[in-house]
Each structure stands twice: as C-alpha cells, then as structure tokens.
Amino acid sequence: MAQDLPDIAEIRQTLDLIQQQNTTQTPVDRLDREHAVLLSLQNQVLSVVTREDLPADYTSPDDLRALLDAIENTVQQNRTARMPSGDAGPDGL
C-alpha cells in the first residue's frame, strides 16, 4: 500500500521551492508551469487526505490538511501573480 502513497517530503520540498520565489520577477510562462505543478501536488495530497487506511508512520491527517491549505494558498498567490487583477477566471487559470 505504501507504494501508492505520495512522498510528502518531496511535495513539501517542491512547495517550498515555489513559495521562495519572488513572483514579481518571475516570468509568466514559469508561473504557468508552476501552477500546473501546484495543481498536481494538490491532487496528490487530496488523494490521501480522505483515506482511512494510512500507515501509522505516514503523515497525520491534520498535517496533510495543513499541507493542502498551504498548497491552496500558494495556488492563489500564483494566480494573483499571473493576473494582476487577481481574477483567476472561470477555468481557474
């Protein structure tokens, strides 16, 4: 079962790298790529948040929810940086 679980340390590391960027100096095409990465990370975490059969040594559900919140906040910051009005549009892009 552990094989089908995402590597939370890797997700956190990727999120940290994206969060450390100065979005005012990051080209829009890079923000677009990072947006896709963020959505992928979000999906990976969502896939385990509701699972009840997590191994005892895996990240706790509360920590997973906190990570999901951090990803969602970063997605919103990314959207704001890509669209100065902050309007993400109907498709979330």
PDB file of N, CA and C in Angstrom:
ATOM      1  N   MET A   1       0.813  -1.192   0.000  1.00  0.00           N
ATOM      2  CA  MET A   1       0.000   0.000   0.000  1.00  0.00           C
ATOM      3  C   MET A   1       0.860   1.261   0.000  1.00  0.00           C
ATOM      4  N   ALA A   2       1.983   1.277   0.707  1.00  0.00           N
ATOM      5  CA  ALA A   2       2.812   2.472   0.805  1.00  0.00           C
ATOM      6  C   ALA A   2       3.321   2.932  -0.555  1.00  0.00           C
ATOM      7  N   GLN A   3       3.403   2.006  -1.502  1.00  0.00           N
ATOM      8  CA  GLN A   3       3.881   2.372  -2.828  1.00  0.00           C
ATOM      9  C   GLN A   3       2.938   3.332  -3.538  1.00  0.00           C
ATOM     10  N   ASP A   4       1.658   3.270  -3.253  1.00  0.00           N
ATOM     11  CA  ASP A   4       0.717   4.134  -3.947  1.00  0.00           C
ATOM     12  C   ASP A   4       0.495   5.459  -3.221  1.00  0.00           C
ATOM     13  N   LEU A   5       1.252   5.712  -2.148  1.00  0.00           N
ATOM     14  CA  LEU A   5       1.140   6.965  -1.416  1.00  0.00           C
ATOM     15  C   LEU A   5       2.194   7.956  -1.902  1.00  0.00           C
ATOM     16  N   PRO A   6       1.816   9.224  -2.039  1.00  0.00           N
ATOM     17  CA  PRO A   6       2.797  10.216  -2.488  1.00  0.00           C
ATOM     18  C   PRO A   6       3.864  10.465  -1.421  1.00  0.00           C
ATOM     19  N   ASP A   7       5.025  10.877  -1.876  1.00  0.00           N
ATOM     20  CA  ASP A   7       6.138  11.208  -0.991  1.00  0.00           C
ATOM     21  C   ASP A   7       5.910  12.626  -0.462  1.00  0.00           C
ATOM     22  N   ILE A   8       5.440  12.740   0.767  1.00  0.00           N
ATOM     23  CA  ILE A   8       5.081  14.029   1.351  1.00  0.00           C
ATOM     24  C   ILE A   8       6.305  14.931   1.494  1.00  0.00           C
ATOM     25  N   ALA A   9       7.455  14.371   1.825  1.00  0.00           N
ATOM     26  CA  ALA A   9       8.674  15.180   1.945  1.00  0.00           C
ATOM     27  C   ALA A   9       9.012  15.826   0.604  1.00  0.00           C
ATOM     28  N   GLU A  10       8.863  15.081  -0.469  1.00  0.00           N
ATOM     29  CA  GLU A  10       9.126  15.617  -1.809  1.00  0.00           C
ATOM     30  C   GLU A  10       8.109  16.711  -2.167  1.00  0.00           C
ATOM     31  N   ILE A  11       6.863  16.500  -1.802  1.00  0.00           N
ATOM     32  CA  ILE A  11       5.829  17.507  -2.063  1.00  0.00           C
ATOM     33  C   ILE A  11       6.148  18.786  -1.295  1.00  0.00           C
ATOM     34  N   ARG A  12       6.526  18.657  -0.036  1.00  0.00           N
ATOM     35  CA  ARG A  12       6.872  19.839   0.770  1.00  0.00           C
ATOM     36  C   ARG A  12       8.074  20.572   0.184  1.00  0.00           C
ATOM     37  N   GLN A  13       9.069  19.816  -0.263  1.00  0.00           N
ATOM     38  CA  GLN A  13      10.263  20.425  -0.841  1.00  0.00           C
ATOM     39  C   GLN A  13       9.907  21.198  -2.110  1.00  0.00           C
ATOM     40  N   THR A  14       9.099  20.617  -2.956  1.00  0.00           N
ATOM     41  CA  THR A  14       8.680  21.289  -4.183  1.00  0.00           C
ATOM     42  C   THR A  14       7.878  22.538  -3.856  1.00  0.00           C
ATOM     43  N   LEU A  15       6.961  22.428  -2.911  1.00  0.00           N
ATOM     44  CA  LEU A  15       6.160  23.578  -2.497  1.00  0.00           C
ATOM     45  C   LEU A  15       7.057  24.681  -1.939  1.00  0.00           C
ATOM     46  N   ASP A  16       8.024  24.321  -1.111  1.00  0.00           N
ATOM     47  CA  ASP A  16       8.946  25.314  -0.551  1.00  0.00           C
ATOM     48  C   ASP A  16       9.700  26.057  -1.648  1.00  0.00           C
ATOM     49  N   LEU A  17      10.162  25.336  -2.651  1.00  0.00           N
ATOM     50  CA  LEU A  17      10.881  25.975  -3.756  1.00  0.00           C
ATOM     51  C   LEU A  17       9.998  26.987  -4.482  1.00  0.00           C
ATOM     52  N   ILE A  18       8.763  26.618  -4.714  1.00  0.00           N
ATOM     53  CA  ILE A  18       7.837  27.524  -5.401  1.00  0.00           C
ATOM     54  C   ILE A  18       7.522  28.727  -4.515  1.00  0.00           C
ATOM     55  N   GLN A  19       7.313  28.502  -3.231  1.00  0.00           N
ATOM     56  CA  GLN A  19       6.970  29.592  -2.316  1.00  0.00           C
ATOM     57  C   GLN A  19       8.109  30.587  -2.135  1.00  0.00           C
ATOM     58  N   GLN A  20       9.346  30.155  -2.311  1.00  0.00           N
ATOM     59  CA  GLN A  20      10.500  31.026  -2.097  1.00  0.00           C
ATOM     60  C   GLN A  20      10.751  31.987  -3.251  1.00  0.00           C
ATOM     61  N   GLN A  21      10.038  31.824  -4.328  1.00  0.00           N
ATOM     62  CA  GLN A  21      10.258  32.663  -5.498  1.00  0.00           C
ATOM     63  C   GLN A  21       9.707  34.061  -5.299  1.00  0.00           C
ATOM     64  N   ASN A  22      10.346  35.001  -5.947  1.00  0.00           N
ATOM     65  CA  ASN A  22       9.839  36.363  -6.000  1.00  0.00           C
ATOM     66  C   ASN A  22       8.917  36.436  -7.210  1.00  0.00           C
ATOM     67  N   THR A  23       7.622  36.330  -6.971  1.00  0.00           N
ATOM     68  CA  THR A  23       6.671  36.245  -8.086  1.00  0.00           C
ATOM     69  C   THR A  23       6.621  37.512  -8.928  1.00  0.00           C
ATOM     70  N   THR A  24       7.055  38.637  -8.377  1.00  0.00           N
ATOM     71  CA  THR A  24       7.040  39.869  -9.177  1.00  0.00           C
ATOM     72  C   THR A  24       8.134  39.859 -10.236  1.00  0.00           C
ATOM     73  N   GLN A  25       9.138  39.013 -10.068  1.00  0.00           N
ATOM     74  CA  GLN A  25      10.228  38.938 -11.038  1.00  0.00           C
ATOM     75  C   GLN A  25      10.238  37.624 -11.821  1.00  0.00           C
ATOM     76  N   THR A  26       9.252  36.795 -11.601  1.00  0.00           N
ATOM     77  CA  THR A  26       9.178  35.504 -12.280  1.00  0.00           C
ATOM     78  C   THR A  26       8.381  35.658 -13.567  1.00  0.00           C
ATOM     79  N   PRO A  27       8.925  35.202 -14.705  1.00  0.00           N
ATOM     80  CA  PRO A  27       8.183  35.303 -15.972  1.00  0.00           C
ATOM     81  C   PRO A  27       6.862  34.532 -15.911  1.00  0.00           C
ATOM     82  N   VAL A  28       5.880  35.028 -16.632  1.00  0.00           N
ATOM     83  CA  VAL A  28       4.546  34.431 -16.620  1.00  0.00           C
ATOM     84  C   VAL A  28       4.582  32.977 -17.075  1.00  0.00           C
ATOM     85  N   ASP A  29       5.411  32.641 -18.070  1.00  0.00           N
ATOM     86  CA  ASP A  29       5.445  31.252 -18.532  1.00  0.00           C
ATOM     87  C   ASP A  29       5.950  30.313 -17.435  1.00  0.00           C
ATOM     88  N   ARG A  30       6.858  30.798 -16.601  1.00  0.00           N
ATOM     89  CA  ARG A  30       7.315  29.965 -15.476  1.00  0.00           C
ATOM     90  C   ARG A  30       6.206  29.840 -14.428  1.00  0.00           C
ATOM     91  N   LEU A  31       5.495  30.938 -14.165  1.00  0.00           N
ATOM     92  CA  LEU A  31       4.366  30.875 -13.239  1.00  0.00           C
ATOM     93  C   LEU A  31       3.317  29.890 -13.743  1.00  0.00           C
ATOM     94  N   ASP A  32       3.113  29.856 -15.057  1.00  0.00           N
ATOM     95  CA  ASP A  32       2.164  28.902 -15.642  1.00  0.00           C
ATOM     96  C   ASP A  32       2.596  27.464 -15.370  1.00  0.00           C
ATOM     97  N   ARG A  33       3.883  27.179 -15.569  1.00  0.00           N
ATOM     98  CA  ARG A  33       4.393  25.824 -15.306  1.00  0.00           C
ATOM     99  C   ARG A  33       4.271  25.476 -13.823  1.00  0.00           C
ATOM    100  N   GLU A  34       4.592  26.440 -12.975  1.00  0.00           N
ATOM    101  CA  GLU A  34       4.491  26.193 -11.539  1.00  0.00           C
ATOM    102  C   GLU A  34       3.038  25.985 -11.118  1.00  0.00           C
ATOM    103  N   HIS A  35       2.126  26.674 -11.787  1.00  0.00           N
ATOM    104  CA  HIS A  35       0.702  26.493 -11.493  1.00  0.00           C
ATOM    105  C   HIS A  35       0.301  25.041 -11.760  1.00  0.00           C
ATOM    106  N   ALA A  36       0.765  24.503 -12.871  1.00  0.00           N
ATOM    107  CA  ALA A  36       0.466  23.103 -13.198  1.00  0.00           C
ATOM    108  C   ALA A  36       1.065  22.165 -12.151  1.00  0.00           C
ATOM    109  N   VAL A  37       2.273  22.466 -11.701  1.00  0.00           N
ATOM    110  CA  VAL A  37       2.915  21.651 -10.663  1.00  0.00           C
ATOM    111  C   VAL A  37       2.112  21.727  -9.367  1.00  0.00           C
ATOM    112  N   LEU A  38       1.687  22.935  -8.997  1.00  0.00           N
ATOM    113  CA  LEU A  38       0.896  23.102  -7.771  1.00  0.00           C
ATOM    114  C   LEU A  38      -0.400  22.303  -7.826  1.00  0.00           C
ATOM    115  N   LEU A  39      -1.067  22.332  -8.967  1.00  0.00           N
ATOM    116  CA  LEU A  39      -2.315  21.576  -9.101  1.00  0.00           C
ATOM    117  C   LEU A  39      -2.057  20.075  -8.996  1.00  0.00           C
ATOM    118  N   SER A  40      -0.927  19.628  -9.529  1.00  0.00           N
ATOM    119  CA  SER A  40      -0.560  18.217  -9.412  1.00  0.00           C
ATOM    120  C   SER A  40      -0.296  17.849  -7.945  1.00  0.00           C
ATOM    121  N   LEU A  41       0.433  18.712  -7.239  1.00  0.00           N
ATOM    122  CA  LEU A  41       0.692  18.471  -5.815  1.00  0.00           C
ATOM    123  C   LEU A  41      -0.615  18.426  -5.036  1.00  0.00           C
ATOM    124  N   GLN A  42      -1.501  19.353  -5.365  1.00  0.00           N
ATOM    125  CA  GLN A  42      -2.802  19.407  -4.698  1.00  0.00           C
ATOM    126  C   GLN A  42      -3.561  18.096  -4.894  1.00  0.00           C
ATOM    127  N   ASN A  43      -3.564  17.590  -6.115  1.00  0.00           N
ATOM    128  CA  ASN A  43      -4.252  16.327  -6.398  1.00  0.00           C
ATOM    129  C   ASN A  43      -3.629  15.160  -5.643  1.00  0.00           C
ATOM    130  N   GLN A  44      -2.303  15.151  -5.553  1.00  0.00           N
ATOM    131  CA  GLN A  44      -1.630  14.072  -4.831  1.00  0.00           C
ATOM    132  C   GLN A  44      -2.020  14.066  -3.356  1.00  0.00           C
ATOM    133  N   VAL A  45      -2.043  15.248  -2.749  1.00  0.00           N
ATOM    134  CA  VAL A  45      -2.396  15.331  -1.328  1.00  0.00           C
ATOM    135  C   VAL A  45      -3.874  15.012  -1.131  1.00  0.00           C
ATOM    136  N   LEU A  46      -4.716  15.526  -2.017  1.00  0.00           N
ATOM    137  CA  LEU A  46      -6.149  15.227  -1.918  1.00  0.00           C
ATOM    138  C   LEU A  46      -6.418  13.729  -1.988  1.00  0.00           C
ATOM    139  N   SER A  47      -5.594  13.027  -2.760  1.00  0.00           N
ATOM    140  CA  SER A  47      -5.814  11.592  -2.930  1.00  0.00           C
ATOM    141  C   SER A  47      -5.637  10.807  -1.632  1.00  0.00           C
ATOM    142  N   VAL A  48      -4.917  11.382  -0.671  1.00  0.00           N
ATOM    143  CA  VAL A  48      -4.703  10.661   0.587  1.00  0.00           C
ATOM    144  C   VAL A  48      -5.414  11.282   1.789  1.00  0.00           C
ATOM    145  N   VAL A  49      -5.849  12.528   1.679  1.00  0.00           N
ATOM    146  CA  VAL A  49      -6.471  13.205   2.825  1.00  0.00           C
ATOM    147  C   VAL A  49      -7.663  12.430   3.368  1.00  0.00           C
ATOM    148  N   THR A  50      -8.451  11.866   2.498  1.00  0.00           N
ATOM    149  CA  THR A  50      -9.674  11.188   2.938  1.00  0.00           C
ATOM    150  C   THR A  50      -9.495   9.689   3.173  1.00  0.00           C
ATOM    151  N   ARG A  51      -8.307   9.191   2.930  1.00  0.00           N
ATOM    152  CA  ARG A  51      -8.082   7.755   3.139  1.00  0.00           C
ATOM    153  C   ARG A  51      -8.075   7.421   4.616  1.00  0.00           C
ATOM    154  N   GLU A  52      -8.654   6.297   4.932  1.00  0.00           N
ATOM    155  CA  GLU A  52      -8.688   5.844   6.322  1.00  0.00           C
ATOM    156  C   GLU A  52      -7.655   4.758   6.594  1.00  0.00           C
ATOM    157  N   ASP A  53      -7.012   4.264   5.549  1.00  0.00           N
ATOM    158  CA  ASP A  53      -6.086   3.144   5.708  1.00  0.00           C
ATOM    159  C   ASP A  53      -4.619   3.570   5.611  1.00  0.00           C
ATOM    160  N   LEU A  54      -4.309   4.777   6.088  1.00  0.00           N
ATOM    161  CA  LEU A  54      -2.926   5.243   6.033  1.00  0.00           C
ATOM    162  C   LEU A  54      -2.075   4.499   7.058  1.00  0.00           C
ATOM    163  N   PRO A  55      -0.837   4.190   6.703  1.00  0.00           N
ATOM    164  CA  PRO A  55       0.046   3.531   7.668  1.00  0.00           C
ATOM    165  C   PRO A  55       0.271   4.437   8.885  1.00  0.00           C
ATOM    166  N   ALA A  56       0.510   3.848  10.019  1.00  0.00           N
ATOM    167  CA  ALA A  56       0.700   4.611  11.257  1.00  0.00           C
ATOM    168  C   ALA A  56       1.881   5.577  11.163  1.00  0.00           C
ATOM    169  N   ASP A  57       2.901   5.207  10.383  1.00  0.00           N
ATOM    170  CA  ASP A  57       4.089   6.055  10.286  1.00  0.00           C
ATOM    171  C   ASP A  57       3.998   7.087   9.155  1.00  0.00           C
ATOM    172  N   TYR A  58       2.847   7.188   8.504  1.00  0.00           N
ATOM    173  CA  TYR A  58       2.659   8.170   7.437  1.00  0.00           C
ATOM    174  C   TYR A  58       2.250   9.498   8.060  1.00  0.00           C
ATOM    175  N   THR A  59       2.315  10.552   7.299  1.00  0.00           N
ATOM    176  CA  THR A  59       1.927  11.883   7.765  1.00  0.00           C
ATOM    177  C   THR A  59       0.497  11.868   8.300  1.00  0.00           C
ATOM    178  N   SER A  60       0.272  12.570   9.402  1.00  0.00           N
ATOM    179  CA  SER A  60      -1.053  12.574  10.034  1.00  0.00           C
ATOM    180  C   SER A  60      -2.074  13.305   9.157  1.00  0.00           C
ATOM    181  N   PRO A  61      -3.343  12.964   9.294  1.00  0.00           N
ATOM    182  CA  PRO A  61      -4.390  13.657   8.530  1.00  0.00           C
ATOM    183  C   PRO A  61      -4.385  15.171   8.764  1.00  0.00           C
ATOM    184  N   ASP A  62      -4.115  15.604   9.993  1.00  0.00           N
ATOM    185  CA  ASP A  62      -4.062  17.044  10.273  1.00  0.00           C
ATOM    186  C   ASP A  62      -2.909  17.708   9.523  1.00  0.00           C
ATOM    187  N   ASP A  63      -1.754  17.043   9.488  1.00  0.00           N
ATOM    188  CA  ASP A  63      -0.618  17.586   8.743  1.00  0.00           C
ATOM    189  C   ASP A  63      -0.900  17.602   7.245  1.00  0.00           C
ATOM    190  N   LEU A  64      -1.598  16.592   6.760  1.00  0.00           N
ATOM    191  CA  LEU A  64      -1.967  16.563   5.343  1.00  0.00           C
ATOM    192  C   LEU A  64      -2.913  17.715   5.012  1.00  0.00           C
ATOM    193  N   ARG A  65      -3.867  17.983   5.894  1.00  0.00           N
ATOM    194  CA  ARG A  65      -4.796  19.102   5.666  1.00  0.00           C
ATOM    195  C   ARG A  65      -4.054  20.438   5.693  1.00  0.00           C
ATOM    196  N   ALA A  66      -3.098  20.583   6.605  1.00  0.00           N
ATOM    197  CA  ALA A  66      -2.298  21.809   6.676  1.00  0.00           C
ATOM    198  C   ALA A  66      -1.471  21.979   5.402  1.00  0.00           C
ATOM    199  N   LEU A  67      -0.922  20.883   4.905  1.00  0.00           N
ATOM    200  CA  LEU A  67      -0.165  20.926   3.656  1.00  0.00           C
ATOM    201  C   LEU A  67      -1.077  21.303   2.497  1.00  0.00           C
ATOM    202  N   LEU A  68      -2.255  20.741   2.472  1.00  0.00           N
ATOM    203  CA  LEU A  68      -3.226  21.065   1.430  1.00  0.00           C
ATOM    204  C   LEU A  68      -3.589  22.549   1.486  1.00  0.00           C
ATOM    205  N   ASP A  69      -3.780  23.090   2.677  1.00  0.00           N
ATOM    206  CA  ASP A  69      -4.061  24.523   2.825  1.00  0.00           C
ATOM    207  C   ASP A  69      -2.909  25.363   2.291  1.00  0.00           C
ATOM    208  N   ALA A  70      -1.683  24.963   2.600  1.00  0.00           N
ATOM    209  CA  ALA A  70      -0.512  25.700   2.119  1.00  0.00           C
ATOM    210  C   ALA A  70      -0.439  25.668   0.597  1.00  0.00           C
ATOM    211  N   ILE A  71      -0.744  24.523   0.012  1.00  0.00           N
ATOM    212  CA  ILE A  71      -0.751  24.416  -1.450  1.00  0.00           C
ATOM    213  C   ILE A  71      -1.831  25.316  -2.028  1.00  0.00           C
ATOM    214  N   GLU A  72      -3.024  25.282  -1.450  1.00  0.00           N
ATOM    215  CA  GLU A  72      -4.125  26.109  -1.952  1.00  0.00           C
ATOM    216  C   GLU A  72      -3.791  27.597  -1.843  1.00  0.00           C
ATOM    217  N   ASN A  73      -3.146  28.013  -0.748  1.00  0.00           N
ATOM    218  CA  ASN A  73      -2.736  29.409  -0.605  1.00  0.00           C
ATOM    219  C   ASN A  73      -1.707  29.792  -1.660  1.00  0.00           C
ATOM    220  N   THR A  74      -0.788  28.889  -1.947  1.00  0.00           N
ATOM    221  CA  THR A  74       0.233  29.155  -2.950  1.00  0.00           C
ATOM    222  C   THR A  74      -0.378  29.197  -4.344  1.00  0.00           C
ATOM    223  N   VAL A  75      -1.363  28.349  -4.609  1.00  0.00           N
ATOM    224  CA  VAL A  75      -2.081  28.398  -5.887  1.00  0.00           C
ATOM    225  C   VAL A  75      -2.710  29.777  -6.056  1.00  0.00           C
ATOM    226  N   GLN A  76      -3.343  30.285  -5.011  1.00  0.00           N
ATOM    227  CA  GLN A  76      -3.983  31.598  -5.095  1.00  0.00           C
ATOM    228  C   GLN A  76      -2.948  32.703  -5.310  1.00  0.00           C
ATOM    229  N   GLN A  77      -1.823  32.631  -4.626  1.00  0.00           N
ATOM    230  CA  GLN A  77      -0.761  33.618  -4.817  1.00  0.00           C
ATOM    231  C   GLN A  77      -0.226  33.557  -6.239  1.00  0.00           C
ATOM    232  N   ASN A  78      -0.091  32.347  -6.762  1.00  0.00           N
ATOM    233  CA  ASN A  78       0.369  32.162  -8.134  1.00  0.00           C
ATOM    234  C   ASN A  78      -0.625  32.785  -9.109  1.00  0.00           C
ATOM    235  N   ARG A  79      -1.901  32.562  -8.889  1.00  0.00           N
ATOM    236  CA  ARG A  79      -2.931  33.138  -9.763  1.00  0.00           C
ATOM    237  C   ARG A  79      -2.884  34.659  -9.724  1.00  0.00           C
ATOM    238  N   THR A  80      -2.725  35.201  -8.536  1.00  0.00           N
ATOM    239  CA  THR A  80      -2.660  36.651  -8.388  1.00  0.00           C
ATOM    240  C   THR A  80      -1.447  37.210  -9.126  1.00  0.00           C
ATOM    241  N   ALA A  81      -0.321  36.527  -9.031  1.00  0.00           N
ATOM    242  CA  ALA A  81       0.892  36.982  -9.709  1.00  0.00           C
ATOM    243  C   ALA A  81       0.755  36.896 -11.223  1.00  0.00           C
ATOM    244  N   ARG A  82       0.023  35.904 -11.701  1.00  0.00           N
ATOM    245  CA  ARG A  82      -0.154  35.721 -13.137  1.00  0.00           C
ATOM    246  C   ARG A  82      -1.178  36.684 -13.703  1.00  0.00           C
ATOM    247  N   MET A  83      -2.136  37.087 -12.891  1.00  0.00           N
ATOM    248  CA  MET A  83      -3.191  38.005 -13.319  1.00  0.00           C
ATOM    249  C   MET A  83      -3.276  39.107 -12.274  1.00  0.00           C
ATOM    250  N   PRO A  84      -2.670  40.246 -12.541  1.00  0.00           N
ATOM    251  CA  PRO A  84      -2.604  41.302 -11.536  1.00  0.00           C
ATOM    252  C   PRO A  84      -3.946  41.670 -10.911  1.00  0.00           C
ATOM    253  N   SER A  85      -5.028  41.472 -11.627  1.00  0.00           N
ATOM    254  CA  SER A  85      -6.331  41.786 -11.045  1.00  0.00           C
ATOM    255  C   SER A  85      -6.731  40.755 -10.003  1.00  0.00           C
ATOM    256  N   GLY A  86      -6.030  39.595  -9.996  1.00  0.00           N
ATOM    257  CA  GLY A  86      -6.364  38.524  -9.065  1.00  0.00           C
ATOM    258  C   GLY A  86      -7.536  37.690  -9.526  1.00  0.00           C
ATOM    259  N   ASP A  87      -8.067  37.992 -10.709  1.00  0.00           N
ATOM    260  CA  ASP A  87      -9.211  37.250 -11.239  1.00  0.00           C
ATOM    261  C   ASP A  87      -8.707  36.003 -11.937  1.00  0.00           C
ATOM    262  N   ALA A  88      -8.925  34.863 -11.329  1.00  0.00           N
ATOM    263  CA  ALA A  88      -8.425  33.606 -11.884  1.00  0.00           C
ATOM    264  C   ALA A  88      -9.256  33.119 -13.053  1.00  0.00           C
ATOM    265  N   GLY A  89     -10.398  33.697 -13.283  1.00  0.00           N
ATOM    266  CA  GLY A  89     -11.224  33.283 -14.411  1.00  0.00           C
ATOM    267  C   GLY A  89     -11.994  32.018 -14.116  1.00  0.00           C
ATOM    268  N   PRO A  90     -12.919  31.663 -14.997  1.00  0.00           N
ATOM    269  CA  PRO A  90     -13.791  30.512 -14.755  1.00  0.00           C
ATOM    270  C   PRO A  90     -13.077  29.172 -14.786  1.00  0.00           C
ATOM    271  N   ASP A  91     -11.965  29.087 -15.507  1.00  0.00           N
ATOM    272  CA  ASP A  91     -11.272  27.802 -15.598  1.00  0.00           C
ATOM    273  C   ASP A  91     -10.157  27.674 -14.572  1.00  0.00           C
ATOM    274  N   GLY A  92     -10.026  28.659 -13.698  1.00  0.00           N
ATOM    275  CA  GLY A  92      -9.006  28.592 -12.660  1.00  0.00           C
ATOM    276  C   GLY A  92      -7.630  28.973 -13.132  1.00  0.00           C
ATOM    277  N   LEU A  93      -7.511  29.434 -14.360  1.00  0.00           N
ATOM    278  CA  LEU A  93      -6.203  29.813 -14.888  1.00  0.00           C
ATOM    279  C   LEU A  93      -6.040  31.299 -14.953  1.00  0.00           C
TER     280      LEU A  93
END
